[in-house]
């Protein structure tokens, strides 16, 4: 299950040794609403192997600035503390799943 990431819990969440997927979105964003159920489903499928967090750009402005988010949805993939991939915009489930698989590879 994806964690709701905020400025307050980010440091604790990011301390995990698992690969991380950060989904930056906004409640008013149509493509974000299309992507959200895909990210949630994959977060359950990969539970225990990948840490997944959803981040509302309006509630977590510090994180939004830290990661230079200018468009939503933006999904960032982090492994060993480094950004290894990212995409902007909505994607199909198969495209997102391929990114999750690559993060584990």
N, C-alpha and C. Protein backbone atom coordinates (compact mmCIF):
# COMPACT_ATOMS: atom_id res chain seq x y z
N UNK A 1 0.84 -1.19 0.00
CA UNK A 1 0.00 0.00 0.00
C UNK A 1 0.89 1.25 0.00
N UNK A 2 0.54 2.19 -0.81
CA UNK A 2 1.33 3.41 -0.92
C UNK A 2 1.14 4.29 0.32
N UNK A 3 2.22 4.88 0.76
CA UNK A 3 2.23 5.79 1.90
C UNK A 3 1.91 7.19 1.38
N UNK A 4 1.16 7.97 2.15
CA UNK A 4 0.96 9.38 1.82
C UNK A 4 2.15 10.15 2.38
N UNK A 5 2.99 10.62 1.50
CA UNK A 5 4.22 11.29 1.90
C UNK A 5 3.97 12.77 2.15
N UNK A 6 4.49 13.25 3.27
CA UNK A 6 4.37 14.66 3.63
C UNK A 6 5.76 15.20 3.98
N UNK A 7 5.83 16.49 4.18
CA UNK A 7 7.09 17.08 4.63
C UNK A 7 7.53 16.46 5.95
N UNK A 8 6.55 16.09 6.79
CA UNK A 8 6.84 15.59 8.14
C UNK A 8 7.35 14.15 8.16
N UNK A 9 6.85 13.28 7.28
CA UNK A 9 7.24 11.87 7.36
C UNK A 9 8.25 11.47 6.27
N UNK A 10 8.67 12.40 5.45
CA UNK A 10 9.54 12.09 4.31
C UNK A 10 10.89 11.52 4.74
N UNK A 11 11.50 12.12 5.72
CA UNK A 11 12.84 11.68 6.13
C UNK A 11 12.80 10.23 6.61
N UNK A 12 11.81 9.89 7.39
CA UNK A 12 11.66 8.53 7.90
C UNK A 12 11.40 7.55 6.75
N UNK A 13 10.49 7.93 5.84
CA UNK A 13 10.17 7.06 4.70
C UNK A 13 11.38 6.84 3.81
N UNK A 14 12.12 7.89 3.52
CA UNK A 14 13.26 7.81 2.61
C UNK A 14 14.43 7.01 3.19
N UNK A 15 14.39 6.71 4.50
CA UNK A 15 15.47 5.97 5.15
C UNK A 15 15.41 4.47 4.84
N UNK A 16 14.38 4.02 4.15
CA UNK A 16 14.25 2.60 3.83
C UNK A 16 15.39 2.13 2.94
N UNK A 17 15.69 0.84 3.04
CA UNK A 17 16.72 0.26 2.17
C UNK A 17 16.12 -0.26 0.87
N UNK A 18 14.80 -0.27 0.79
CA UNK A 18 14.12 -0.72 -0.43
C UNK A 18 14.23 0.33 -1.53
N UNK A 19 14.14 -0.09 -2.79
CA UNK A 19 13.99 0.90 -3.86
C UNK A 19 12.70 1.69 -3.61
N UNK A 20 12.65 2.92 -4.09
CA UNK A 20 11.53 3.83 -3.79
C UNK A 20 10.90 4.33 -5.08
N UNK A 21 9.57 4.41 -5.06
CA UNK A 21 8.81 5.06 -6.12
C UNK A 21 8.03 6.20 -5.49
N UNK A 22 8.25 7.42 -5.99
CA UNK A 22 7.53 8.60 -5.51
C UNK A 22 6.59 9.08 -6.61
N UNK A 23 5.30 9.14 -6.29
CA UNK A 23 4.28 9.60 -7.23
C UNK A 23 3.83 11.00 -6.81
N UNK A 24 4.29 12.01 -7.52
CA UNK A 24 3.90 13.39 -7.25
C UNK A 24 2.65 13.71 -8.05
N UNK A 25 1.60 14.19 -7.36
CA UNK A 25 0.33 14.44 -8.03
C UNK A 25 -0.41 15.60 -7.36
N UNK A 26 -1.59 15.89 -7.89
CA UNK A 26 -2.46 16.92 -7.31
C UNK A 26 -3.90 16.46 -7.46
N UNK A 27 -4.75 16.87 -6.53
CA UNK A 27 -6.15 16.43 -6.54
C UNK A 27 -6.90 16.94 -7.76
N UNK A 28 -6.49 18.07 -8.33
CA UNK A 28 -7.18 18.68 -9.47
C UNK A 28 -6.69 18.16 -10.82
N UNK A 29 -5.74 17.26 -10.81
CA UNK A 29 -5.05 16.81 -12.04
C UNK A 29 -5.72 15.56 -12.61
N UNK A 30 -6.28 15.67 -13.83
CA UNK A 30 -6.92 14.55 -14.49
C UNK A 30 -6.00 13.36 -14.74
N UNK A 31 -4.83 13.57 -15.36
CA UNK A 31 -3.91 12.45 -15.58
C UNK A 31 -3.46 11.79 -14.26
N UNK A 32 -3.37 12.58 -13.20
CA UNK A 32 -3.01 12.02 -11.89
C UNK A 32 -4.07 11.03 -11.43
N UNK A 33 -5.33 11.39 -11.66
CA UNK A 33 -6.44 10.51 -11.26
C UNK A 33 -6.43 9.22 -12.07
N UNK A 34 -5.97 9.28 -13.32
CA UNK A 34 -5.86 8.07 -14.14
C UNK A 34 -4.72 7.18 -13.65
N UNK A 35 -3.62 7.79 -13.24
CA UNK A 35 -2.44 7.05 -12.82
C UNK A 35 -2.56 6.49 -11.40
N UNK A 36 -3.28 7.16 -10.53
CA UNK A 36 -3.36 6.79 -9.12
C UNK A 36 -3.74 5.33 -8.87
N UNK A 37 -4.79 4.80 -9.50
CA UNK A 37 -5.13 3.40 -9.21
C UNK A 37 -4.06 2.41 -9.69
N UNK A 38 -3.34 2.76 -10.74
CA UNK A 38 -2.26 1.91 -11.24
C UNK A 38 -1.14 1.86 -10.21
N UNK A 39 -0.75 3.03 -9.71
CA UNK A 39 0.32 3.10 -8.71
C UNK A 39 -0.10 2.34 -7.45
N UNK A 40 -1.34 2.52 -7.02
CA UNK A 40 -1.83 1.84 -5.81
C UNK A 40 -1.80 0.32 -6.00
N UNK A 41 -2.28 -0.14 -7.14
CA UNK A 41 -2.30 -1.58 -7.41
C UNK A 41 -0.88 -2.16 -7.41
N UNK A 42 0.04 -1.46 -8.07
CA UNK A 42 1.42 -1.94 -8.12
C UNK A 42 2.10 -1.85 -6.76
N UNK A 43 1.72 -0.86 -5.94
CA UNK A 43 2.30 -0.77 -4.61
C UNK A 43 1.94 -2.00 -3.78
N UNK A 44 0.74 -2.52 -3.98
CA UNK A 44 0.34 -3.74 -3.28
C UNK A 44 1.04 -4.97 -3.85
N UNK A 45 1.14 -5.01 -5.17
CA UNK A 45 1.79 -6.14 -5.85
C UNK A 45 3.27 -6.26 -5.47
N UNK A 46 3.93 -5.12 -5.29
CA UNK A 46 5.37 -5.10 -5.00
C UNK A 46 5.67 -4.84 -3.52
N UNK A 47 4.67 -4.95 -2.67
CA UNK A 47 4.84 -4.68 -1.25
C UNK A 47 5.96 -5.55 -0.68
N UNK A 48 6.82 -4.92 0.11
CA UNK A 48 7.95 -5.63 0.68
C UNK A 48 9.18 -5.64 -0.21
N UNK A 49 9.00 -5.25 -1.49
CA UNK A 49 10.13 -5.21 -2.42
C UNK A 49 10.44 -3.79 -2.88
N UNK A 50 9.39 -2.95 -2.97
CA UNK A 50 9.54 -1.54 -3.36
C UNK A 50 8.68 -0.70 -2.43
N UNK A 51 9.25 0.38 -1.91
CA UNK A 51 8.50 1.33 -1.07
C UNK A 51 7.87 2.37 -1.99
N UNK A 52 6.56 2.51 -1.91
CA UNK A 52 5.83 3.42 -2.79
C UNK A 52 5.15 4.51 -1.96
N UNK A 53 5.27 5.75 -2.43
CA UNK A 53 4.64 6.86 -1.73
C UNK A 53 3.97 7.80 -2.72
N UNK A 54 2.82 8.31 -2.30
CA UNK A 54 2.11 9.33 -3.06
C UNK A 54 2.36 10.66 -2.37
N UNK A 55 2.62 11.67 -3.17
CA UNK A 55 2.94 12.98 -2.61
C UNK A 55 2.09 14.05 -3.30
N UNK A 56 1.20 14.66 -2.55
CA UNK A 56 0.37 15.75 -3.07
C UNK A 56 1.24 17.01 -3.09
N UNK A 57 1.45 17.57 -4.26
CA UNK A 57 2.37 18.70 -4.40
C UNK A 57 1.94 19.92 -3.59
N UNK A 58 0.65 20.03 -3.31
CA UNK A 58 0.17 21.19 -2.56
C UNK A 58 0.30 21.00 -1.05
N UNK A 59 0.44 19.75 -0.61
CA UNK A 59 0.58 19.47 0.82
C UNK A 59 2.03 19.27 1.22
N UNK A 60 2.87 18.95 0.27
CA UNK A 60 4.28 18.68 0.56
C UNK A 60 5.17 19.55 -0.31
N UNK A 61 5.05 20.85 -0.10
CA UNK A 61 5.78 21.80 -0.95
C UNK A 61 7.29 21.68 -0.83
N UNK A 62 7.79 21.30 0.36
CA UNK A 62 9.24 21.13 0.51
C UNK A 62 9.76 20.02 -0.39
N UNK A 63 9.05 18.91 -0.42
CA UNK A 63 9.45 17.78 -1.27
C UNK A 63 9.32 18.13 -2.74
N UNK A 64 8.26 18.84 -3.07
CA UNK A 64 8.03 19.26 -4.45
C UNK A 64 9.21 20.11 -4.94
N UNK A 65 9.67 21.02 -4.11
CA UNK A 65 10.81 21.86 -4.47
C UNK A 65 12.10 21.05 -4.50
N UNK A 66 12.29 20.17 -3.52
CA UNK A 66 13.51 19.37 -3.44
C UNK A 66 13.71 18.53 -4.69
N UNK A 67 12.63 17.97 -5.23
CA UNK A 67 12.73 17.12 -6.41
C UNK A 67 12.47 17.87 -7.71
N UNK A 68 12.28 19.18 -7.64
CA UNK A 68 12.13 20.01 -8.83
C UNK A 68 10.91 19.66 -9.66
N UNK A 69 9.81 19.36 -8.99
CA UNK A 69 8.59 18.96 -9.69
C UNK A 69 7.94 20.20 -10.29
N UNK A 70 7.75 20.16 -11.62
CA UNK A 70 7.11 21.29 -12.31
C UNK A 70 5.80 20.88 -12.98
N UNK A 71 5.65 19.58 -13.25
CA UNK A 71 4.45 19.05 -13.89
C UNK A 71 3.98 17.81 -13.13
N UNK A 72 2.68 17.58 -13.16
CA UNK A 72 2.13 16.38 -12.52
C UNK A 72 1.25 15.65 -13.52
N UNK A 73 1.18 14.34 -13.39
CA UNK A 73 1.95 13.53 -12.45
C UNK A 73 3.41 13.36 -12.88
N UNK A 74 4.26 13.32 -11.88
CA UNK A 74 5.66 12.96 -12.08
C UNK A 74 5.96 11.80 -11.15
N UNK A 75 6.52 10.75 -11.69
CA UNK A 75 6.87 9.58 -10.89
C UNK A 75 8.39 9.42 -10.94
N UNK A 76 8.99 9.35 -9.75
CA UNK A 76 10.44 9.25 -9.63
C UNK A 76 10.80 7.90 -9.04
N UNK A 77 11.83 7.26 -9.61
CA UNK A 77 12.30 5.95 -9.17
C UNK A 77 13.69 6.13 -8.55
N UNK A 78 13.84 5.67 -7.30
CA UNK A 78 15.08 5.87 -6.54
C UNK A 78 15.62 4.52 -6.10
N UNK A 79 16.91 4.32 -6.34
CA UNK A 79 17.58 3.09 -5.89
C UNK A 79 18.91 3.49 -5.28
N UNK A 80 19.20 2.94 -4.11
CA UNK A 80 20.44 3.25 -3.40
C UNK A 80 20.62 4.76 -3.20
N UNK A 81 19.50 5.45 -2.94
CA UNK A 81 19.54 6.89 -2.67
C UNK A 81 19.70 7.79 -3.88
N UNK A 82 19.70 7.20 -5.08
CA UNK A 82 19.88 7.99 -6.30
C UNK A 82 18.69 7.83 -7.23
N UNK A 83 18.32 8.91 -7.89
CA UNK A 83 17.25 8.86 -8.88
C UNK A 83 17.78 8.10 -10.09
N UNK A 84 17.10 7.00 -10.44
CA UNK A 84 17.55 6.19 -11.57
C UNK A 84 16.62 6.30 -12.78
N UNK A 85 15.41 6.83 -12.56
CA UNK A 85 14.47 6.97 -13.66
C UNK A 85 13.34 7.88 -13.21
N UNK A 86 12.61 8.43 -14.18
CA UNK A 86 11.40 9.19 -13.87
C UNK A 86 10.59 9.35 -15.14
N UNK A 87 9.30 9.61 -14.94
CA UNK A 87 8.47 9.96 -16.08
C UNK A 87 7.44 10.99 -15.65
N UNK A 88 6.99 11.76 -16.64
CA UNK A 88 5.99 12.80 -16.44
C UNK A 88 4.79 12.45 -17.30
N UNK A 89 3.60 12.55 -16.72
CA UNK A 89 2.38 12.24 -17.46
C UNK A 89 1.87 10.86 -17.12
N UNK A 90 0.70 10.57 -17.62
CA UNK A 90 0.08 9.28 -17.36
C UNK A 90 0.66 8.21 -18.27
N UNK A 91 0.72 7.00 -17.77
CA UNK A 91 1.22 5.86 -18.53
C UNK A 91 0.26 4.69 -18.34
N UNK A 92 0.38 3.70 -19.21
CA UNK A 92 -0.42 2.49 -19.07
C UNK A 92 0.14 1.64 -17.92
N UNK A 93 -0.67 0.71 -17.44
CA UNK A 93 -0.20 -0.15 -16.36
C UNK A 93 1.03 -0.94 -16.78
N UNK A 94 1.04 -1.45 -18.02
CA UNK A 94 2.18 -2.24 -18.48
C UNK A 94 3.46 -1.40 -18.52
N UNK A 95 3.35 -0.13 -18.90
CA UNK A 95 4.52 0.76 -18.93
C UNK A 95 5.04 1.03 -17.52
N UNK A 96 4.12 1.27 -16.58
CA UNK A 96 4.53 1.55 -15.21
C UNK A 96 5.11 0.28 -14.56
N UNK A 97 4.48 -0.85 -14.82
CA UNK A 97 4.97 -2.12 -14.28
C UNK A 97 6.38 -2.40 -14.78
N UNK A 98 6.66 -2.10 -16.04
CA UNK A 98 8.01 -2.29 -16.58
C UNK A 98 9.02 -1.44 -15.83
N UNK A 99 8.63 -0.23 -15.44
CA UNK A 99 9.52 0.64 -14.67
C UNK A 99 9.78 0.05 -13.28
N UNK A 100 8.71 -0.50 -12.64
CA UNK A 100 8.87 -1.15 -11.33
C UNK A 100 9.85 -2.33 -11.47
N UNK A 101 9.65 -3.15 -12.50
CA UNK A 101 10.51 -4.31 -12.72
C UNK A 101 11.96 -3.88 -12.93
N UNK A 102 12.16 -2.82 -13.71
CA UNK A 102 13.52 -2.33 -13.97
C UNK A 102 14.18 -1.84 -12.68
N UNK A 103 13.39 -1.28 -11.78
CA UNK A 103 13.93 -0.79 -10.52
C UNK A 103 14.47 -1.95 -9.67
N UNK A 104 13.87 -3.10 -9.81
CA UNK A 104 14.33 -4.28 -9.07
C UNK A 104 15.49 -4.98 -9.75
N UNK A 105 15.69 -4.70 -11.03
CA UNK A 105 16.73 -5.40 -11.81
C UNK A 105 18.12 -4.94 -11.54
